[in-house]
N, C-alpha and C. Protein backbone atom coordinates (compact mmCIF):
# COMPACT_ATOMS: atom_id res chain seq x y z
N UNK A 1 90.05 94.16 87.02
CA UNK A 1 89.03 95.20 87.07
C UNK A 1 88.15 95.02 88.32
N UNK A 2 87.67 93.80 88.55
CA UNK A 2 86.82 93.53 89.71
C UNK A 2 87.57 93.76 91.00
N UNK A 3 88.86 93.35 91.02
CA UNK A 3 89.64 93.51 92.23
C UNK A 3 89.97 94.97 92.51
N UNK A 4 90.15 95.75 91.45
CA UNK A 4 90.36 97.20 91.64
C UNK A 4 89.16 97.86 92.28
N UNK A 5 87.98 97.49 91.79
CA UNK A 5 86.74 98.04 92.36
C UNK A 5 86.57 97.62 93.81
N UNK A 6 86.82 96.34 94.08
CA UNK A 6 86.68 95.84 95.43
C UNK A 6 87.71 96.51 96.35
N UNK A 7 88.92 96.67 95.88
CA UNK A 7 89.97 97.31 96.69
C UNK A 7 89.58 98.75 97.00
N UNK A 8 89.18 99.51 96.00
CA UNK A 8 88.77 100.90 96.21
C UNK A 8 87.55 100.99 97.13
N UNK A 9 86.66 100.05 97.00
CA UNK A 9 85.48 100.03 97.84
C UNK A 9 85.85 99.78 99.32
N UNK A 10 86.77 98.86 99.56
CA UNK A 10 87.20 98.61 100.93
C UNK A 10 87.86 99.84 101.53
N UNK A 11 88.68 100.54 100.73
CA UNK A 11 89.33 101.76 101.24
C UNK A 11 88.30 102.83 101.53
N UNK A 12 87.28 102.98 100.68
CA UNK A 12 86.23 103.98 100.93
C UNK A 12 85.44 103.63 102.19
N UNK A 13 85.13 102.35 102.36
CA UNK A 13 84.43 101.92 103.60
C UNK A 13 85.30 102.20 104.81
N UNK A 14 86.59 101.94 104.70
CA UNK A 14 87.55 102.26 105.77
C UNK A 14 87.41 103.73 106.15
N UNK A 15 87.42 104.63 105.16
CA UNK A 15 87.33 106.07 105.44
C UNK A 15 85.99 106.42 106.08
N UNK A 16 84.92 105.79 105.61
CA UNK A 16 83.58 106.09 106.19
C UNK A 16 83.46 105.60 107.63
N UNK A 17 84.05 104.44 107.91
CA UNK A 17 83.99 103.92 109.29
C UNK A 17 84.75 104.84 110.23
N UNK A 18 85.93 105.30 109.79
CA UNK A 18 86.72 106.21 110.61
C UNK A 18 86.00 107.55 110.80
N UNK A 19 85.36 108.03 109.75
CA UNK A 19 84.58 109.26 109.88
C UNK A 19 83.43 109.09 110.87
N UNK A 20 82.77 107.95 110.85
CA UNK A 20 81.68 107.68 111.80
C UNK A 20 82.22 107.62 113.21
N UNK A 21 83.41 107.05 113.39
CA UNK A 21 84.03 106.97 114.71
C UNK A 21 84.33 108.40 115.22
N UNK A 22 84.87 109.23 114.35
CA UNK A 22 85.19 110.61 114.74
C UNK A 22 83.91 111.35 115.14
N UNK A 23 82.85 111.14 114.38
CA UNK A 23 81.57 111.78 114.73
C UNK A 23 81.08 111.32 116.09
N UNK A 24 81.20 110.04 116.35
CA UNK A 24 80.79 109.48 117.64
C UNK A 24 81.61 110.11 118.76
N UNK A 25 82.89 110.28 118.52
CA UNK A 25 83.78 110.85 119.54
C UNK A 25 83.42 112.31 119.84
N UNK A 26 83.11 113.07 118.81
CA UNK A 26 82.74 114.47 119.00
C UNK A 26 81.40 114.56 119.73
N UNK A 27 80.48 113.70 119.34
CA UNK A 27 79.13 113.75 119.89
C UNK A 27 79.07 113.27 121.33
N UNK A 28 79.79 112.21 121.68
CA UNK A 28 79.61 111.62 123.01
C UNK A 28 80.89 111.27 123.74
N UNK A 29 82.05 111.64 123.17
CA UNK A 29 83.35 111.30 123.76
C UNK A 29 83.50 109.80 123.97
N UNK A 30 82.91 109.02 123.08
CA UNK A 30 83.09 107.57 123.12
C UNK A 30 83.43 107.06 121.73
N UNK A 31 84.24 106.03 121.69
CA UNK A 31 84.57 105.35 120.44
C UNK A 31 84.20 103.88 120.63
N UNK A 32 82.97 103.51 120.26
CA UNK A 32 82.55 102.12 120.46
C UNK A 32 83.47 101.14 119.71
N UNK A 33 83.60 99.95 120.27
CA UNK A 33 84.47 98.92 119.69
C UNK A 33 84.07 98.54 118.27
N UNK A 34 82.83 98.75 117.91
CA UNK A 34 82.35 98.31 116.59
C UNK A 34 83.17 98.97 115.48
N UNK A 35 83.62 100.21 115.70
CA UNK A 35 84.40 100.88 114.64
C UNK A 35 85.76 100.22 114.47
N UNK A 36 86.47 99.98 115.54
CA UNK A 36 87.78 99.35 115.44
C UNK A 36 87.65 97.91 114.91
N UNK A 37 86.69 97.20 115.41
CA UNK A 37 86.47 95.82 114.91
C UNK A 37 86.12 95.79 113.44
N UNK A 38 85.31 96.74 112.99
CA UNK A 38 84.95 96.81 111.56
C UNK A 38 86.18 97.01 110.69
N UNK A 39 87.08 97.88 111.15
CA UNK A 39 88.30 98.11 110.38
C UNK A 39 89.18 96.86 110.32
N UNK A 40 89.26 96.15 111.41
CA UNK A 40 90.08 94.93 111.44
C UNK A 40 89.47 93.85 110.58
N UNK A 41 88.15 93.71 110.63
CA UNK A 41 87.45 92.69 109.82
C UNK A 41 87.54 93.00 108.32
N UNK A 42 87.52 94.28 107.99
CA UNK A 42 87.56 94.73 106.59
C UNK A 42 88.97 94.57 105.99
N UNK A 43 89.98 94.59 106.82
CA UNK A 43 91.37 94.60 106.35
C UNK A 43 91.73 93.39 105.45
N UNK A 44 91.33 92.17 105.79
CA UNK A 44 91.67 91.06 104.87
C UNK A 44 91.09 91.22 103.47
N UNK A 45 89.90 91.79 103.36
CA UNK A 45 89.32 92.03 102.04
C UNK A 45 90.20 93.02 101.26
N UNK A 46 90.73 94.02 101.95
CA UNK A 46 91.64 94.98 101.30
C UNK A 46 92.92 94.27 100.83
N UNK A 47 93.50 93.45 101.70
CA UNK A 47 94.75 92.77 101.37
C UNK A 47 94.54 91.82 100.18
N UNK A 48 93.46 91.05 100.22
CA UNK A 48 93.21 90.06 99.17
C UNK A 48 92.86 90.70 97.82
N UNK A 49 92.26 91.88 97.87
CA UNK A 49 91.87 92.55 96.60
C UNK A 49 92.95 93.48 96.09
N UNK A 50 94.02 93.64 96.83
CA UNK A 50 95.09 94.54 96.38
C UNK A 50 95.88 93.91 95.26
N UNK A 51 96.18 94.70 94.26
CA UNK A 51 96.95 94.20 93.13
C UNK A 51 98.42 94.01 93.47
N UNK A 52 98.92 94.83 94.38
CA UNK A 52 100.32 94.75 94.76
C UNK A 52 100.53 93.95 96.02
N UNK A 53 101.79 93.78 96.37
CA UNK A 53 102.10 93.03 97.57
C UNK A 53 101.98 93.96 98.78
N UNK A 54 101.17 93.55 99.73
CA UNK A 54 101.00 94.31 100.96
C UNK A 54 101.69 93.52 102.06
N UNK A 55 102.52 94.21 102.82
CA UNK A 55 103.24 93.58 103.93
C UNK A 55 102.32 93.50 105.12
N UNK A 56 101.39 92.57 105.06
CA UNK A 56 100.38 92.46 106.10
C UNK A 56 100.96 91.91 107.38
N UNK A 57 102.03 91.18 107.32
CA UNK A 57 102.69 90.64 108.52
C UNK A 57 103.28 91.78 109.33
N UNK A 58 104.02 92.67 108.67
CA UNK A 58 104.58 93.83 109.35
C UNK A 58 103.48 94.76 109.84
N UNK A 59 102.43 94.91 109.03
CA UNK A 59 101.32 95.78 109.44
C UNK A 59 100.66 95.24 110.70
N UNK A 60 100.52 93.93 110.76
CA UNK A 60 99.93 93.31 111.97
C UNK A 60 100.84 93.55 113.17
N UNK A 61 102.14 93.46 112.98
CA UNK A 61 103.09 93.73 114.05
C UNK A 61 103.02 95.16 114.53
N UNK A 62 102.91 96.08 113.60
CA UNK A 62 102.80 97.51 113.96
C UNK A 62 101.51 97.75 114.73
N UNK A 63 100.43 97.16 114.27
CA UNK A 63 99.15 97.32 114.97
C UNK A 63 99.20 96.75 116.37
N UNK A 64 99.83 95.57 116.52
CA UNK A 64 99.95 94.95 117.85
C UNK A 64 100.82 95.79 118.75
N UNK A 65 101.92 96.31 118.24
CA UNK A 65 102.80 97.15 119.05
C UNK A 65 102.05 98.45 119.45
N UNK A 66 101.30 99.00 118.52
CA UNK A 66 100.51 100.20 118.83
C UNK A 66 99.53 99.93 119.92
N UNK A 67 98.90 98.76 119.89
CA UNK A 67 97.93 98.40 120.88
C UNK A 67 98.59 98.23 122.28
N UNK A 68 99.75 97.60 122.32
CA UNK A 68 100.47 97.40 123.58
C UNK A 68 100.90 98.74 124.17
N UNK A 69 101.50 99.59 123.35
CA UNK A 69 101.96 100.91 123.84
C UNK A 69 100.73 101.75 124.25
N UNK A 70 99.68 101.66 123.45
CA UNK A 70 98.46 102.40 123.76
C UNK A 70 97.81 101.98 125.06
N UNK A 71 97.81 100.69 125.33
CA UNK A 71 97.23 100.21 126.60
C UNK A 71 98.09 100.70 127.79
N UNK A 72 99.38 100.82 127.55
CA UNK A 72 100.23 101.41 128.59
C UNK A 72 99.86 102.85 128.87
N UNK A 73 99.65 103.61 127.80
CA UNK A 73 99.21 105.02 127.94
C UNK A 73 97.83 105.08 128.57
N UNK A 74 96.96 104.15 128.22
CA UNK A 74 95.63 104.12 128.85
C UNK A 74 95.73 103.82 130.33
N UNK A 75 96.61 102.91 130.71
CA UNK A 75 96.81 102.58 132.14
C UNK A 75 97.33 103.78 132.92
N UNK A 76 98.08 104.63 132.25
CA UNK A 76 98.59 105.86 132.89
C UNK A 76 97.58 107.02 132.81
N UNK A 77 96.41 106.72 132.25
CA UNK A 77 95.33 107.72 132.07
C UNK A 77 95.75 108.89 131.18
N UNK A 78 96.57 108.59 130.19
CA UNK A 78 96.99 109.61 129.23
C UNK A 78 96.03 109.66 128.04
N UNK A 79 95.46 108.56 127.70
CA UNK A 79 94.53 108.51 126.57
C UNK A 79 93.42 107.52 126.84
N UNK A 80 92.37 107.59 126.06
CA UNK A 80 91.23 106.70 126.23
C UNK A 80 91.40 105.36 125.55
N UNK A 81 90.67 104.38 126.05
CA UNK A 81 90.74 103.04 125.48
C UNK A 81 90.25 102.98 124.07
N UNK A 82 89.18 103.71 123.76
CA UNK A 82 88.66 103.73 122.39
C UNK A 82 89.65 104.33 121.41
N UNK A 83 90.34 105.39 121.87
CA UNK A 83 91.38 106.00 121.03
C UNK A 83 92.50 105.01 120.74
N UNK A 84 92.89 104.24 121.74
CA UNK A 84 93.96 103.27 121.58
C UNK A 84 93.55 102.21 120.55
N UNK A 85 92.35 101.70 120.67
CA UNK A 85 91.92 100.64 119.74
C UNK A 85 91.74 101.16 118.33
N UNK A 86 91.21 102.37 118.18
CA UNK A 86 91.05 102.95 116.85
C UNK A 86 92.43 103.24 116.23
N UNK A 87 93.34 103.75 117.03
CA UNK A 87 94.70 104.02 116.54
C UNK A 87 95.35 102.71 116.05
N UNK A 88 95.23 101.65 116.81
CA UNK A 88 95.81 100.38 116.42
C UNK A 88 95.17 99.85 115.14
N UNK A 89 93.84 99.98 115.01
CA UNK A 89 93.16 99.50 113.80
C UNK A 89 93.59 100.28 112.57
N UNK A 90 93.74 101.59 112.71
CA UNK A 90 94.17 102.42 111.56
C UNK A 90 95.64 102.13 111.28
N UNK A 91 96.45 101.86 112.31
CA UNK A 91 97.85 101.50 112.11
C UNK A 91 97.99 100.23 111.27
N UNK A 92 97.05 99.31 111.44
CA UNK A 92 97.04 98.10 110.61
C UNK A 92 96.92 98.47 109.15
N UNK A 93 96.02 99.37 108.83
CA UNK A 93 95.82 99.80 107.46
C UNK A 93 97.01 100.61 106.95
N UNK A 94 97.60 101.43 107.81
CA UNK A 94 98.73 102.25 107.40
C UNK A 94 99.94 101.37 107.08
N UNK A 95 100.12 100.36 107.89
CA UNK A 95 101.25 99.47 107.67
C UNK A 95 102.60 100.18 107.80
N UNK A 96 103.65 99.48 107.49
CA UNK A 96 104.99 100.09 107.64
C UNK A 96 105.22 101.24 106.68
N UNK A 97 104.56 101.25 105.53
CA UNK A 97 104.78 102.28 104.52
C UNK A 97 104.21 103.64 104.93
N UNK A 98 103.10 103.66 105.64
CA UNK A 98 102.40 104.91 105.94
C UNK A 98 102.31 105.21 107.45
N UNK A 99 102.86 104.35 108.28
CA UNK A 99 102.66 104.54 109.73
C UNK A 99 103.23 105.85 110.24
N UNK A 100 104.44 106.21 109.83
CA UNK A 100 105.04 107.46 110.34
C UNK A 100 104.26 108.69 109.88
N UNK A 101 103.86 108.71 108.60
CA UNK A 101 103.08 109.86 108.11
C UNK A 101 101.72 109.94 108.82
N UNK A 102 101.09 108.78 108.99
CA UNK A 102 99.81 108.73 109.70
C UNK A 102 99.94 109.27 111.13
N UNK A 103 100.97 108.81 111.84
CA UNK A 103 101.18 109.21 113.22
C UNK A 103 101.50 110.68 113.33
N UNK A 104 102.32 111.17 112.44
CA UNK A 104 102.70 112.61 112.45
C UNK A 104 101.48 113.47 112.17
N UNK A 105 100.72 113.14 111.16
CA UNK A 105 99.53 113.92 110.81
C UNK A 105 98.49 113.86 111.93
N UNK A 106 98.36 112.71 112.55
CA UNK A 106 97.43 112.57 113.67
C UNK A 106 97.89 113.45 114.84
N UNK A 107 99.18 113.43 115.16
CA UNK A 107 99.69 114.22 116.28
C UNK A 107 99.50 115.71 116.02
N UNK A 108 99.81 116.15 114.81
CA UNK A 108 99.65 117.57 114.49
C UNK A 108 98.17 117.97 114.56
N UNK A 109 97.31 117.11 114.05
CA UNK A 109 95.86 117.39 114.13
C UNK A 109 95.38 117.44 115.57
N UNK A 110 95.87 116.51 116.39
CA UNK A 110 95.51 116.50 117.80
C UNK A 110 95.95 117.78 118.49
N UNK A 111 97.16 118.24 118.17
CA UNK A 111 97.62 119.51 118.74
C UNK A 111 96.76 120.68 118.33
N UNK A 112 96.37 120.73 117.07
CA UNK A 112 95.46 121.78 116.61
C UNK A 112 94.10 121.73 117.31
N UNK A 113 93.61 120.52 117.49
CA UNK A 113 92.32 120.38 118.19
C UNK A 113 92.47 120.87 119.63
N UNK A 114 93.57 120.51 120.29
CA UNK A 114 93.78 120.96 121.68
C UNK A 114 93.88 122.47 121.75
N UNK A 115 94.60 123.08 120.81
CA UNK A 115 94.70 124.54 120.79
C UNK A 115 93.32 125.15 120.55
N UNK A 116 92.58 124.56 119.61
CA UNK A 116 91.23 125.08 119.32
C UNK A 116 90.30 124.98 120.53
N UNK A 117 90.37 123.89 121.24
CA UNK A 117 89.54 123.75 122.47
C UNK A 117 89.97 124.75 123.53
N UNK A 118 91.27 124.94 123.65
CA UNK A 118 91.77 125.90 124.65
C UNK A 118 91.32 127.31 124.28
N UNK A 119 91.44 127.69 122.99
CA UNK A 119 91.00 129.01 122.57
C UNK A 119 89.50 129.18 122.77
N UNK A 120 88.75 128.15 122.48
CA UNK A 120 87.32 128.19 122.67
C UNK A 120 86.99 128.33 124.15
N UNK A 121 87.73 127.65 124.99
CA UNK A 121 87.55 127.76 126.44
C UNK A 121 87.85 129.18 126.91
N UNK A 122 88.88 129.78 126.33
CA UNK A 122 89.27 131.14 126.74
C UNK A 122 88.29 132.17 126.23
N UNK A 123 87.62 131.89 125.12
CA UNK A 123 86.65 132.84 124.55
C UNK A 123 85.28 132.52 125.14
N UNK A 124 85.03 133.06 126.32
CA UNK A 124 83.82 132.72 127.05
C UNK A 124 82.53 133.08 126.31
N UNK A 125 82.61 134.02 125.38
CA UNK A 125 81.41 134.40 124.64
C UNK A 125 80.95 133.29 123.68
N UNK A 126 81.80 132.33 123.43
CA UNK A 126 81.45 131.22 122.53
C UNK A 126 80.81 130.04 123.28
N UNK A 127 80.85 130.07 124.59
CA UNK A 127 80.41 128.93 125.38
C UNK A 127 79.00 128.46 125.02
N UNK A 128 78.02 129.36 124.80
CA UNK A 128 76.67 128.87 124.45
C UNK A 128 76.60 128.09 123.15
N UNK A 129 77.59 128.26 122.26
CA UNK A 129 77.55 127.60 120.97
C UNK A 129 78.30 126.27 120.93
N UNK A 130 78.95 125.90 122.01
CA UNK A 130 79.73 124.65 122.03
C UNK A 130 78.83 123.43 122.17
N UNK A 131 79.28 122.30 121.60
CA UNK A 131 78.54 121.05 121.87
C UNK A 131 78.58 120.77 123.38
N UNK A 132 77.54 120.13 123.84
CA UNK A 132 77.45 119.83 125.26
C UNK A 132 78.66 119.02 125.70
N UNK A 133 79.27 119.42 126.81
CA UNK A 133 80.41 118.67 127.34
C UNK A 133 81.75 119.32 127.05
N UNK A 134 81.80 120.26 126.09
CA UNK A 134 83.08 120.87 125.77
C UNK A 134 83.37 122.10 126.61
N UNK A 135 82.34 122.77 127.13
CA UNK A 135 82.58 123.94 127.93
C UNK A 135 82.80 123.58 129.39
N UNK A 136 83.63 124.31 130.07
CA UNK A 136 83.89 124.02 131.49
C UNK A 136 84.58 125.21 132.12
N UNK A 137 84.71 125.18 133.41
CA UNK A 137 85.44 126.25 134.10
C UNK A 137 86.95 125.98 134.03
N UNK A 138 87.72 126.95 134.42
CA UNK A 138 89.18 126.87 134.31
C UNK A 138 89.79 125.73 135.11
N UNK A 139 89.23 125.45 136.25
CA UNK A 139 89.82 124.44 137.12
C UNK A 139 89.70 123.01 136.54
N UNK A 140 88.65 122.77 135.78
CA UNK A 140 88.43 121.44 135.27
C UNK A 140 88.81 121.28 133.78
N UNK A 141 89.25 122.36 133.15
CA UNK A 141 89.54 122.32 131.72
C UNK A 141 90.57 121.26 131.37
N UNK A 142 91.67 121.19 132.12
CA UNK A 142 92.73 120.25 131.83
C UNK A 142 92.30 118.81 132.00
N UNK A 143 91.26 118.58 132.76
CA UNK A 143 90.79 117.21 133.00
C UNK A 143 89.68 116.80 132.05
N UNK A 144 89.25 117.70 131.20
CA UNK A 144 88.18 117.41 130.24
C UNK A 144 88.68 116.49 129.14
N UNK A 145 87.84 115.57 128.68
CA UNK A 145 88.26 114.70 127.56
C UNK A 145 88.36 115.49 126.27
N UNK A 146 89.16 114.99 125.39
CA UNK A 146 89.31 115.61 124.06
C UNK A 146 88.92 114.59 123.03
N UNK A 147 88.14 114.97 122.03
CA UNK A 147 87.74 114.00 121.00
C UNK A 147 88.89 113.68 120.05
N UNK A 148 89.84 112.86 120.54
CA UNK A 148 91.04 112.55 119.77
C UNK A 148 90.76 111.66 118.60
N UNK A 149 89.55 111.07 118.57
CA UNK A 149 89.16 110.28 117.40
C UNK A 149 89.15 111.11 116.13
N UNK A 150 88.94 112.41 116.29
CA UNK A 150 88.97 113.30 115.11
C UNK A 150 90.39 113.39 114.55
N UNK A 151 91.37 113.50 115.44
CA UNK A 151 92.78 113.54 114.99
C UNK A 151 93.18 112.21 114.33
N UNK A 152 92.73 111.12 114.91
CA UNK A 152 93.02 109.81 114.32
C UNK A 152 92.37 109.73 112.93
N UNK A 153 91.17 110.28 112.81
CA UNK A 153 90.46 110.26 111.52
C UNK A 153 91.16 111.10 110.46
N UNK A 154 91.75 112.21 110.88
CA UNK A 154 92.50 113.04 109.91
C UNK A 154 93.66 112.24 109.35
N UNK A 155 94.40 111.57 110.22
CA UNK A 155 95.50 110.74 109.74
C UNK A 155 94.99 109.57 108.89
N UNK A 156 93.87 109.00 109.27
CA UNK A 156 93.28 107.88 108.52
C UNK A 156 92.82 108.29 107.14
N UNK A 157 92.30 109.48 107.00
CA UNK A 157 91.89 109.97 105.68
C UNK A 157 93.10 110.10 104.77
N UNK A 158 94.22 110.54 105.32
CA UNK A 158 95.46 110.57 104.56
C UNK A 158 95.84 109.17 104.08
N UNK A 159 95.75 108.21 105.00
CA UNK A 159 96.05 106.83 104.64
C UNK A 159 95.12 106.36 103.51
N UNK A 160 93.82 106.66 103.64
CA UNK A 160 92.85 106.23 102.64
C UNK A 160 93.17 106.84 101.25
N UNK A 161 93.44 108.14 101.23
CA UNK A 161 93.75 108.77 99.94
C UNK A 161 95.03 108.20 99.34
N UNK A 162 95.99 107.90 100.18
CA UNK A 162 97.23 107.33 99.68
C UNK A 162 97.01 105.92 99.13
N UNK A 163 96.17 105.14 99.81
CA UNK A 163 95.86 103.79 99.35
C UNK A 163 95.05 103.78 98.06
N UNK A 164 94.31 104.84 97.79
CA UNK A 164 93.51 104.91 96.59
C UNK A 164 94.33 105.27 95.33
N UNK A 165 95.52 105.75 95.51
CA UNK A 165 96.36 106.17 94.35
C UNK A 165 96.78 104.97 93.53
């Protein structure tokens, strides 16, 4: 009973931390390290309080591989460093059982966000209502950052709901 409550509490905290990270990304296009570190620090409590067997060794491998690939993408200036670290931390929680679903849902959400930003950019009458930093002229639109932490959070919420079952 105690372990079930502790396990559910860690999963809820996981979801709240990811939501806070997404909010930070929307507000300032930054994902401070505290969010990724919090998820990594919280993970052992989740593993220890879980009633079932969690393949934490494979989950750690997936997170490490995600971090390595992500840093490569960061070096190529394809994605931000905060996005890479948050993705790796959520990959740890997703583990081998949920990694593909998490990644697919994140990618689809990211695509929808990109389409939404593009449509908002094209609808110039909406520019006064955008959060600061999202509006720009046509020449710089492709170079503008995208709050991809929101897409990561969408996938992470799926992971959280699945872990609560």
